[in-house]
Amino acid sequence: MSTKADYTDEEWATLRRAPLVAGLAISIADPSGPVGAVKESMGSLKTITGQATGGEGLVGAVAADIQAQARERHNPLGDFKVEAQRAGEQVLGELRRANEIVSAKATPEEATAFRTWLVSSARAAAEAAKEGGFMGFGGERVSEGEQRMLDEVGRAVGQTGA
């Protein structure tokens, strides 16, 4: 089993940001206003905190570290910033980097669990707020743009059929 000590500080920061970046990818794919953005963020955070309390191995360690960062009022995203015109490309590049790190240093089981966790974080964000509709009526749980981004997130981390 790999531990935080097996990763450089930069690699660990990339892994720590990854589930948040996966959720951010959905917000970028189909912006749904301030309320929708909060719901999407909360969807990802539920996935992360669920792993922090019951997760094992690498996923549990990263989730616990995210929670510790939040308790200390540190932004788990750190200095990760996106440019509006390149946001999608940047978040997918960050997820590819995280996948490369776990592919190189984690056990195959940990790498698979980490990839699944990232896709779950993105899916939780996508399903957290309805898109479209009027005053809460109609709309769809996952928009076409969000589904395309979910597929891209899956490809970025080496999973198909996300």
C-alpha atoms as a PDB file:
ATOM      1  CA  MET A   1       0.000   0.000   0.000  1.00  0.00           C
ATOM      2  CA  SER A   2       1.304   3.444  -0.851  1.00  0.00           C
ATOM      3  CA  THR A   3       1.346   6.268   1.690  1.00  0.00           C
ATOM      4  CA  LYS A   4       1.816  10.011   1.559  1.00  0.00           C
ATOM      5  CA  ALA A   5       5.540   9.433   2.093  1.00  0.00           C
ATOM      6  CA  ASP A   6       5.722   7.716  -1.319  1.00  0.00           C
ATOM      7  CA  TYR A   7       4.808  10.963  -3.109  1.00  0.00           C
ATOM      8  CA  THR A   8       6.567  14.289  -3.484  1.00  0.00           C
ATOM      9  CA  ASP A   9       4.805  17.316  -2.008  1.00  0.00           C
ATOM     10  CA  GLU A  10       3.841  18.412  -5.530  1.00  0.00           C
ATOM     11  CA  GLU A  11       2.468  14.974  -6.419  1.00  0.00           C
ATOM     12  CA  TRP A  12       0.472  14.794  -3.192  1.00  0.00           C
ATOM     13  CA  ALA A  13      -0.968  18.275  -3.814  1.00  0.00           C
ATOM     14  CA  THR A  14      -2.092  17.103  -7.271  1.00  0.00           C
ATOM     15  CA  LEU A  15      -3.772  14.024  -5.763  1.00  0.00           C
ATOM     16  CA  ARG A  16      -5.386  16.124  -3.027  1.00  0.00           C
ATOM     17  CA  ARG A  17      -6.855  18.547  -5.581  1.00  0.00           C
ATOM     18  CA  ALA A  18      -8.003  15.892  -8.030  1.00  0.00           C
ATOM     19  CA  PRO A  19     -11.479  15.055  -6.631  1.00  0.00           C
ATOM     20  CA  LEU A  20     -12.260  18.766  -6.300  1.00  0.00           C
ATOM     21  CA  VAL A  21     -11.008  19.398  -9.824  1.00  0.00           C
ATOM     22  CA  ALA A  22     -13.217  16.541 -11.064  1.00  0.00           C
ATOM     23  CA  GLY A  23     -16.232  18.303  -9.562  1.00  0.00           C
ATOM     24  CA  LEU A  24     -15.062  21.629 -10.958  1.00  0.00           C
ATOM     25  CA  ALA A  25     -14.960  20.069 -14.421  1.00  0.00           C
ATOM     26  CA  ILE A  26     -18.739  19.648 -14.268  1.00  0.00           C
ATOM     27  CA  SER A  27     -19.329  23.260 -13.239  1.00  0.00           C
ATOM     28  CA  ILE A  28     -17.168  24.391 -16.139  1.00  0.00           C
ATOM     29  CA  ALA A  29     -18.924  22.102 -18.618  1.00  0.00           C
ATOM     30  CA  ASP A  30     -22.378  23.566 -18.062  1.00  0.00           C
ATOM     31  CA  PRO A  31     -22.484  26.528 -15.671  1.00  0.00           C
ATOM     32  CA  SER A  32     -25.736  26.524 -13.731  1.00  0.00           C
ATOM     33  CA  GLY A  33     -25.532  29.793 -11.823  1.00  0.00           C
ATOM     34  CA  PRO A  34     -24.501  30.416  -8.228  1.00  0.00           C
ATOM     35  CA  VAL A  35     -27.044  28.081  -6.591  1.00  0.00           C
ATOM     36  CA  GLY A  36     -26.259  25.272  -9.027  1.00  0.00           C
ATOM     37  CA  ALA A  37     -22.519  25.772  -8.503  1.00  0.00           C
ATOM     38  CA  VAL A  38     -22.948  25.461  -4.736  1.00  0.00           C
ATOM     39  CA  LYS A  39     -25.039  22.287  -5.154  1.00  0.00           C
ATOM     40  CA  GLU A  40     -22.433  20.816  -7.509  1.00  0.00           C
ATOM     41  CA  SER A  41     -19.630  21.627  -5.062  1.00  0.00           C
ATOM     42  CA  MET A  42     -21.592  20.063  -2.222  1.00  0.00           C
ATOM     43  CA  GLY A  43     -22.158  16.931  -4.312  1.00  0.00           C
ATOM     44  CA  SER A  44     -18.405  16.502  -4.764  1.00  0.00           C
ATOM     45  CA  LEU A  45     -17.716  17.282  -1.118  1.00  0.00           C
ATOM     46  CA  LYS A  46     -20.134  14.567   0.031  1.00  0.00           C
ATOM     47  CA  THR A  47     -18.195  12.039  -2.029  1.00  0.00           C
ATOM     48  CA  ILE A  48     -14.910  13.276  -0.573  1.00  0.00           C
ATOM     49  CA  THR A  49     -16.030  13.397   3.067  1.00  0.00           C
ATOM     50  CA  GLY A  50     -17.619   9.964   2.761  1.00  0.00           C
ATOM     51  CA  GLN A  51     -14.212   8.577   1.914  1.00  0.00           C
ATOM     52  CA  ALA A  52     -12.515  10.561   4.667  1.00  0.00           C
ATOM     53  CA  THR A  53     -14.604   8.851   7.314  1.00  0.00           C
ATOM     54  CA  GLY A  54     -14.747   5.352   5.889  1.00  0.00           C
ATOM     55  CA  GLY A  55     -12.215   5.160   3.093  1.00  0.00           C
ATOM     56  CA  GLU A  56      -9.159   2.989   3.111  1.00  0.00           C
ATOM     57  CA  GLY A  57      -5.785   3.095   1.444  1.00  0.00           C
ATOM     58  CA  LEU A  58      -4.784   5.931  -0.820  1.00  0.00           C
ATOM     59  CA  VAL A  59      -8.313   7.242  -1.342  1.00  0.00           C
ATOM     60  CA  GLY A  60      -8.957   7.396   2.408  1.00  0.00           C
ATOM     61  CA  ALA A  61      -5.607   9.093   3.044  1.00  0.00           C
ATOM     62  CA  VAL A  62      -6.172  11.740   0.366  1.00  0.00           C
ATOM     63  CA  ALA A  63      -9.755  12.343   1.536  1.00  0.00           C
ATOM     64  CA  ALA A  64      -8.610  12.700   5.153  1.00  0.00           C
ATOM     65  CA  ASP A  65      -5.935  15.172   4.047  1.00  0.00           C
ATOM     66  CA  ILE A  66      -8.526  17.235   2.154  1.00  0.00           C
ATOM     67  CA  GLN A  67     -10.663  17.318   5.278  1.00  0.00           C
ATOM     68  CA  ALA A  68      -7.676  18.342   7.410  1.00  0.00           C
ATOM     69  CA  GLN A  69      -6.840  21.137   4.969  1.00  0.00           C
ATOM     70  CA  ALA A  70     -10.426  22.390   5.148  1.00  0.00           C
ATOM     71  CA  ARG A  71     -10.426  22.292   8.973  1.00  0.00           C
ATOM     72  CA  GLU A  72      -7.261  24.395   8.979  1.00  0.00           C
ATOM     73  CA  ARG A  73      -8.953  26.846   6.584  1.00  0.00           C
ATOM     74  CA  HIS A  74      -6.518  26.006   3.775  1.00  0.00           C
ATOM     75  CA  ASN A  75      -7.902  25.805   0.279  1.00  0.00           C
ATOM     76  CA  PRO A  76      -7.433  22.171  -0.844  1.00  0.00           C
ATOM     77  CA  LEU A  77      -7.228  23.447  -4.422  1.00  0.00           C
ATOM     78  CA  GLY A  78      -4.119  25.355  -3.382  1.00  0.00           C
ATOM     79  CA  ASP A  79      -2.830  27.572  -6.132  1.00  0.00           C
ATOM     80  CA  PHE A  80      -4.682  25.711  -8.901  1.00  0.00           C
ATOM     81  CA  LYS A  81      -6.321  28.368 -11.060  1.00  0.00           C
ATOM     82  CA  VAL A  82      -8.049  28.073 -14.405  1.00  0.00           C
ATOM     83  CA  GLU A  83      -8.275  30.544 -17.241  1.00  0.00           C
ATOM     84  CA  ALA A  84     -11.827  30.941 -18.527  1.00  0.00           C
ATOM     85  CA  GLN A  85     -10.955  30.270 -22.175  1.00  0.00           C
ATOM     86  CA  ARG A  86      -8.875  27.143 -21.323  1.00  0.00           C
ATOM     87  CA  ALA A  87     -10.698  25.883 -18.232  1.00  0.00           C
ATOM     88  CA  GLY A  88     -11.867  22.541 -19.621  1.00  0.00           C
ATOM     89  CA  GLU A  89      -8.443  21.754 -21.041  1.00  0.00           C
ATOM     90  CA  GLN A  90      -6.748  22.708 -17.763  1.00  0.00           C
ATOM     91  CA  VAL A  91      -8.966  20.606 -15.491  1.00  0.00           C
ATOM     92  CA  LEU A  92      -8.658  17.571 -17.752  1.00  0.00           C
ATOM     93  CA  GLY A  93      -4.872  18.047 -17.864  1.00  0.00           C
ATOM     94  CA  GLU A  94      -4.785  18.140 -14.063  1.00  0.00           C
ATOM     95  CA  LEU A  95      -6.801  14.914 -13.881  1.00  0.00           C
ATOM     96  CA  ARG A  96      -4.458  13.262 -16.387  1.00  0.00           C
ATOM     97  CA  ARG A  97      -1.506  14.254 -14.172  1.00  0.00           C
ATOM     98  CA  ALA A  98      -3.195  12.724 -11.134  1.00  0.00           C
ATOM     99  CA  ASN A  99      -3.802   9.532 -13.117  1.00  0.00           C
ATOM    100  CA  GLU A 100      -0.156   9.417 -14.212  1.00  0.00           C
ATOM    101  CA  ILE A 101       0.962   9.774 -10.596  1.00  0.00           C
ATOM    102  CA  VAL A 102      -1.227   6.978  -9.249  1.00  0.00           C
ATOM    103  CA  SER A 103      -0.384   4.783 -12.238  1.00  0.00           C
ATOM    104  CA  ALA A 104       3.313   5.158 -11.464  1.00  0.00           C
ATOM    105  CA  LYS A 105       3.309   4.991  -7.665  1.00  0.00           C
ATOM    106  CA  ALA A 106       0.163   3.386  -6.299  1.00  0.00           C
ATOM    107  CA  THR A 107      -0.705  -0.271  -6.306  1.00  0.00           C
ATOM    108  CA  PRO A 108      -2.989  -1.286  -9.192  1.00  0.00           C
ATOM    109  CA  GLU A 109      -5.879  -1.671  -6.743  1.00  0.00           C
ATOM    110  CA  GLU A 110      -5.273   1.785  -5.241  1.00  0.00           C
ATOM    111  CA  ALA A 111      -4.997   3.347  -8.704  1.00  0.00           C
ATOM    112  CA  THR A 112      -8.304   1.791  -9.757  1.00  0.00           C
ATOM    113  CA  ALA A 113     -10.007   2.939  -6.550  1.00  0.00           C
ATOM    114  CA  PHE A 114      -8.606   6.460  -6.993  1.00  0.00           C
ATOM    115  CA  ARG A 115      -9.820   6.677 -10.602  1.00  0.00           C
ATOM    116  CA  THR A 116     -13.261   5.445  -9.593  1.00  0.00           C
ATOM    117  CA  TRP A 117     -13.355   8.025  -6.801  1.00  0.00           C
ATOM    118  CA  LEU A 118     -12.562  10.858  -9.212  1.00  0.00           C
ATOM    119  CA  VAL A 119     -15.314   9.805 -11.603  1.00  0.00           C
ATOM    120  CA  SER A 120     -17.706   9.450  -8.636  1.00  0.00           C
ATOM    121  CA  SER A 121     -16.843  12.968  -7.505  1.00  0.00           C
ATOM    122  CA  ALA A 122     -17.600  14.337 -10.970  1.00  0.00           C
ATOM    123  CA  ARG A 123     -20.830  12.317 -11.219  1.00  0.00           C
ATOM    124  CA  ALA A 124     -21.977  13.538  -7.784  1.00  0.00           C
ATOM    125  CA  ALA A 125     -21.449  17.119  -8.944  1.00  0.00           C
ATOM    126  CA  ALA A 126     -23.353  16.473 -12.179  1.00  0.00           C
ATOM    127  CA  GLU A 127     -26.298  14.912 -10.375  1.00  0.00           C
ATOM    128  CA  ALA A 128     -26.482  17.526  -7.620  1.00  0.00           C
ATOM    129  CA  ALA A 129     -28.396  20.221  -9.503  1.00  0.00           C
ATOM    130  CA  LYS A 130     -30.954  20.130 -12.287  1.00  0.00           C
ATOM    131  CA  GLU A 131     -30.044  21.915 -15.488  1.00  0.00           C
ATOM    132  CA  GLY A 132     -32.585  23.922 -17.458  1.00  0.00           C
ATOM    133  CA  GLY A 133     -36.235  24.111 -16.532  1.00  0.00           C
ATOM    134  CA  PHE A 134     -38.030  27.004 -14.898  1.00  0.00           C
ATOM    135  CA  MET A 135     -38.323  27.700 -11.172  1.00  0.00           C
ATOM    136  CA  GLY A 136     -37.532  24.108 -10.270  1.00  0.00           C
ATOM    137  CA  PHE A 137     -39.861  22.525 -12.814  1.00  0.00           C
ATOM    138  CA  GLY A 138     -38.580  20.490 -15.703  1.00  0.00           C
ATOM    139  CA  GLY A 139     -34.906  20.390 -16.457  1.00  0.00           C
ATOM    140  CA  GLU A 140     -32.640  17.396 -16.423  1.00  0.00           C
ATOM    141  CA  ARG A 141     -30.444  15.901 -13.732  1.00  0.00           C
ATOM    142  CA  VAL A 142     -27.379  15.622 -15.997  1.00  0.00           C
ATOM    143  CA  SER A 143     -27.206  17.893 -19.027  1.00  0.00           C
ATOM    144  CA  GLU A 144     -25.626  16.935 -22.344  1.00  0.00           C
ATOM    145  CA  GLY A 145     -22.649  19.184 -21.603  1.00  0.00           C
ATOM    146  CA  GLU A 146     -22.178  17.596 -18.192  1.00  0.00           C
ATOM    147  CA  GLN A 147     -22.408  14.084 -19.662  1.00  0.00           C
ATOM    148  CA  ARG A 148     -19.779  14.965 -22.266  1.00  0.00           C
ATOM    149  CA  MET A 149     -17.518  16.221 -19.491  1.00  0.00           C
ATOM    150  CA  LEU A 150     -18.172  13.093 -17.403  1.00  0.00           C
ATOM    151  CA  ASP A 151     -17.051  11.057 -20.399  1.00  0.00           C
ATOM    152  CA  GLU A 152     -13.946  13.264 -20.745  1.00  0.00           C
ATOM    153  CA  VAL A 153     -13.150  12.919 -17.047  1.00  0.00           C
ATOM    154  CA  GLY A 154     -13.418   9.142 -17.394  1.00  0.00           C
ATOM    155  CA  ARG A 155     -11.074   9.160 -20.368  1.00  0.00           C
ATOM    156  CA  ALA A 156      -8.631  11.500 -18.593  1.00  0.00           C
ATOM    157  CA  VAL A 157      -8.287   9.063 -15.709  1.00  0.00           C
ATOM    158  CA  GLY A 158      -8.241   5.959 -17.878  1.00  0.00           C
ATOM    159  CA  GLN A 159     -11.826   4.799 -17.379  1.00  0.00           C
ATOM    160  CA  THR A 160     -14.274   4.408 -20.221  1.00  0.00           C
ATOM    161  CA  GLY A 161     -18.015   4.408 -19.923  1.00  0.00           C
ATOM    162  CA  ALA A 162     -17.961   6.875 -17.025  1.00  0.00           C
END
